[in-house]
Every structure is written in structure tokens, then in C-alpha cells.
């Protein structure tokens, strides 16, 4: 299984964006390899945030109904891994062990979800955000 980062979801729906083709190519290649592409509830929330934010604030400017349609499509195309209390326990251990604070707590949360579900790879444009965590393989779309 490969966790799909929120930035991949955003790029996959921006058909005129500069990263659309490389994103779609990476997703297609991973599916050809029979990889299961997963998302977490956090990815859906982060996608909604970007999708409904105005373009002037680095968003997509979608209305709530438009964003909802995109989320429905994402939920159809990617396997949603469940959230459990165990994720919170792992997250607390990670943020203490790695002295994580500020915005980086969200990446630690994704790592906790990955660990709870024995997922070792993440497809992301932001590989540096996950380097501090041993056992995580970062897959950059351009390198697939």
C-alpha cells in the first residue's frame, strides 16, 4: 500500500496545473504495479481546505458542491484507511520522539496513520517533510 499525500490529490484534479501530468503518470504507474493507493481522513480534510480556499490564497476556489463532487471522486479512486485510537497513540509518541511542533504535526499524523496500517510508502511532492521518520519510503511523482 502507498499513502497518497494531500498535495497529490490537489494536483490530480488541477488538469491545467503544472504538476498534473506527472501526478497522473505516477498514479497510473503505481496502479499498473498493482499498488493499492490509500488516503486517510486527514487527506480529505486537507484537500477540502485547499479546494475551497480562494486562488489568491493558494487555493482552487471551488464552491462547496464542486469540492464535494471532487471528494466523492477521490473516495471512489483511493482506498480510505480508517482512523483509530491507536493512530493517536502513535502520533503522540512520534511528536515527542522527534520533537515535532507547529505545522509539521500534520505530517507526523500521516506517519502515525501509516504506521497503524503498516504502510511504508508515501506518494508526495514534499519528501523532506518525512525524512525524519525511519522506515518511511518517499515516492516523488517525477521519480516513478
Protein backbone atom coordinates (compact mmCIF):
# COMPACT_ATOMS: atom_id res chain seq x y z
CA UNK A 1 0.00 0.00 0.00
CA UNK A 2 1.06 3.57 -0.70
CA UNK A 3 -0.38 6.54 1.17
CA UNK A 4 -1.26 9.36 -1.20
CA UNK A 5 -0.41 12.77 0.24
CA UNK A 6 -2.89 15.64 0.03
CA UNK A 7 -0.70 17.57 -2.41
CA UNK A 8 -1.04 14.66 -4.84
CA UNK A 9 -4.83 14.78 -4.56
CA UNK A 10 -4.82 18.53 -5.23
CA UNK A 11 -2.55 18.18 -8.26
CA UNK A 12 -4.58 15.28 -9.64
CA UNK A 13 -7.68 17.44 -10.08
CA UNK A 14 -5.97 20.56 -11.41
CA UNK A 15 -5.94 19.47 -15.05
CA UNK A 16 -4.31 22.73 -16.16
CA UNK A 17 -1.78 22.77 -13.33
CA UNK A 18 1.96 22.38 -13.88
CA UNK A 19 2.12 19.10 -11.94
CA UNK A 20 -1.00 17.41 -13.32
CA UNK A 21 0.67 15.21 -15.95
CA UNK A 22 3.47 13.95 -13.70
CA UNK A 23 0.94 13.28 -10.94
CA UNK A 24 -1.40 11.32 -13.19
CA UNK A 25 1.53 9.39 -14.68
CA UNK A 26 2.79 8.40 -11.24
CA UNK A 27 -0.66 7.27 -10.11
CA UNK A 28 -1.12 5.22 -13.29
CA UNK A 29 2.31 3.58 -12.96
CA UNK A 30 1.70 2.66 -9.33
CA UNK A 31 -1.66 1.14 -10.24
CA UNK A 32 -0.01 -0.80 -13.07
CA UNK A 33 2.37 -2.22 -10.45
CA UNK A 34 -0.71 -3.36 -8.52
CA UNK A 35 -0.03 -0.93 -5.67
CA UNK A 36 -3.03 -0.02 -3.53
CA UNK A 37 -3.22 3.78 -3.33
CA UNK A 38 -4.64 4.86 0.03
CA UNK A 39 -5.78 8.06 1.63
CA UNK A 40 -6.55 8.94 5.22
CA UNK A 41 -9.41 11.08 6.52
CA UNK A 42 -6.83 13.85 7.09
CA UNK A 43 -6.07 13.89 3.34
CA UNK A 44 -9.72 14.52 2.56
CA UNK A 45 -9.90 17.38 5.08
CA UNK A 46 -6.69 18.95 3.74
CA UNK A 47 -7.94 18.59 0.15
CA UNK A 48 -11.19 20.36 1.07
CA UNK A 49 -9.23 23.18 2.67
CA UNK A 50 -7.21 23.81 -0.49
CA UNK A 51 -10.11 23.17 -2.86
CA UNK A 52 -12.39 25.75 -1.21
CA UNK A 53 -9.74 28.38 -0.48
CA UNK A 54 -9.62 31.34 -2.90
CA UNK A 55 -6.94 31.22 -5.62
CA UNK A 56 -5.46 34.44 -4.20
CA UNK A 57 -4.67 32.41 -1.06
CA UNK A 58 -3.10 29.48 -2.93
CA UNK A 59 -6.39 27.61 -3.24
CA UNK A 60 -8.54 26.25 -6.02
CA UNK A 61 -11.58 28.47 -5.45
CA UNK A 62 -14.14 25.67 -5.71
CA UNK A 63 -17.62 26.01 -4.26
CA UNK A 64 -18.69 23.55 -1.57
CA UNK A 65 -20.75 21.48 -4.08
CA UNK A 66 -17.80 21.39 -6.51
CA UNK A 67 -15.40 20.35 -3.75
CA UNK A 68 -17.89 17.71 -2.60
CA UNK A 69 -18.01 16.23 -6.11
CA UNK A 70 -14.22 16.08 -6.20
CA UNK A 71 -14.12 14.42 -2.78
CA UNK A 72 -16.67 11.83 -3.95
CA UNK A 73 -14.41 11.05 -6.91
CA UNK A 74 -11.33 10.80 -4.67
CA UNK A 75 -13.17 8.41 -2.34
CA UNK A 76 -14.07 6.29 -5.35
CA UNK A 77 -10.50 6.16 -6.68
CA UNK A 78 -8.49 5.73 -3.47
CA UNK A 79 -8.81 3.32 -0.56
CA UNK A 80 -9.72 5.15 2.65
CA UNK A 81 -7.88 3.76 5.67
CA UNK A 82 -9.80 4.02 8.94
CA UNK A 83 -8.86 6.24 11.82
CA UNK A 84 -8.40 4.51 15.16
CA UNK A 85 -7.38 5.47 18.68
CA UNK A 86 -4.12 3.62 18.03
CA UNK A 87 -3.23 6.33 15.48
CA UNK A 88 -3.41 8.97 18.21
CA UNK A 89 -1.15 6.92 20.48
CA UNK A 90 1.43 6.51 17.71
CA UNK A 91 1.19 10.21 16.84
CA UNK A 92 1.87 11.25 20.44
CA UNK A 93 4.93 9.01 20.54
CA UNK A 94 6.20 10.39 17.21
CA UNK A 95 5.84 14.06 18.11
CA UNK A 96 7.64 13.51 21.41
CA UNK A 97 10.38 11.28 20.00
CA UNK A 98 11.10 13.58 17.05
CA UNK A 99 10.39 16.88 18.84
CA UNK A 100 7.74 17.85 16.28
CA UNK A 101 5.86 21.13 16.59
CA UNK A 102 3.88 23.61 14.54
CA UNK A 103 2.63 22.69 11.09
CA UNK A 104 4.84 19.60 11.00
CA UNK A 105 2.48 17.84 13.40
CA UNK A 106 0.22 17.12 10.42
CA UNK A 107 2.97 15.16 8.68
CA UNK A 108 3.64 13.26 11.89
CA UNK A 109 -0.06 12.44 11.97
CA UNK A 110 0.14 10.95 8.47
CA UNK A 111 3.14 8.89 9.55
CA UNK A 112 1.14 7.65 12.54
CA UNK A 113 -1.67 6.60 10.22
CA UNK A 114 0.86 4.85 8.02
CA UNK A 115 2.39 3.00 10.95
CA UNK A 116 -1.00 1.98 12.31
CA UNK A 117 -1.84 0.40 8.94
CA UNK A 118 1.64 -0.97 8.13
CA UNK A 119 2.03 1.40 5.17
CA UNK A 120 5.68 2.18 4.48
CA UNK A 121 5.50 4.36 1.34
CA UNK A 122 4.02 7.79 0.69
CA UNK A 123 3.49 9.46 -2.70
CA UNK A 124 4.24 13.15 -2.19
CA UNK A 125 5.86 16.24 -3.63
CA UNK A 126 7.11 17.11 -0.13
CA UNK A 127 9.56 14.34 0.63
CA UNK A 128 11.64 16.45 3.01
CA UNK A 129 8.67 16.54 5.41
CA UNK A 130 9.02 12.79 6.03
CA UNK A 131 12.80 12.31 6.15
CA UNK A 132 12.99 12.34 9.94
CA UNK A 133 10.88 9.19 10.19
CA UNK A 134 12.74 5.90 9.78
CA UNK A 135 11.03 3.21 7.76
CA UNK A 136 9.16 5.64 5.51
CA UNK A 137 9.88 5.47 1.80
CA UNK A 138 9.12 8.69 -0.04
CA UNK A 139 7.93 8.34 -3.63
CA UNK A 140 8.18 11.56 -5.63
CA UNK A 141 5.89 11.51 -8.67
CA UNK A 142 8.68 12.58 -11.05
CA UNK A 143 10.79 9.59 -9.97
CA UNK A 144 8.18 6.92 -10.65
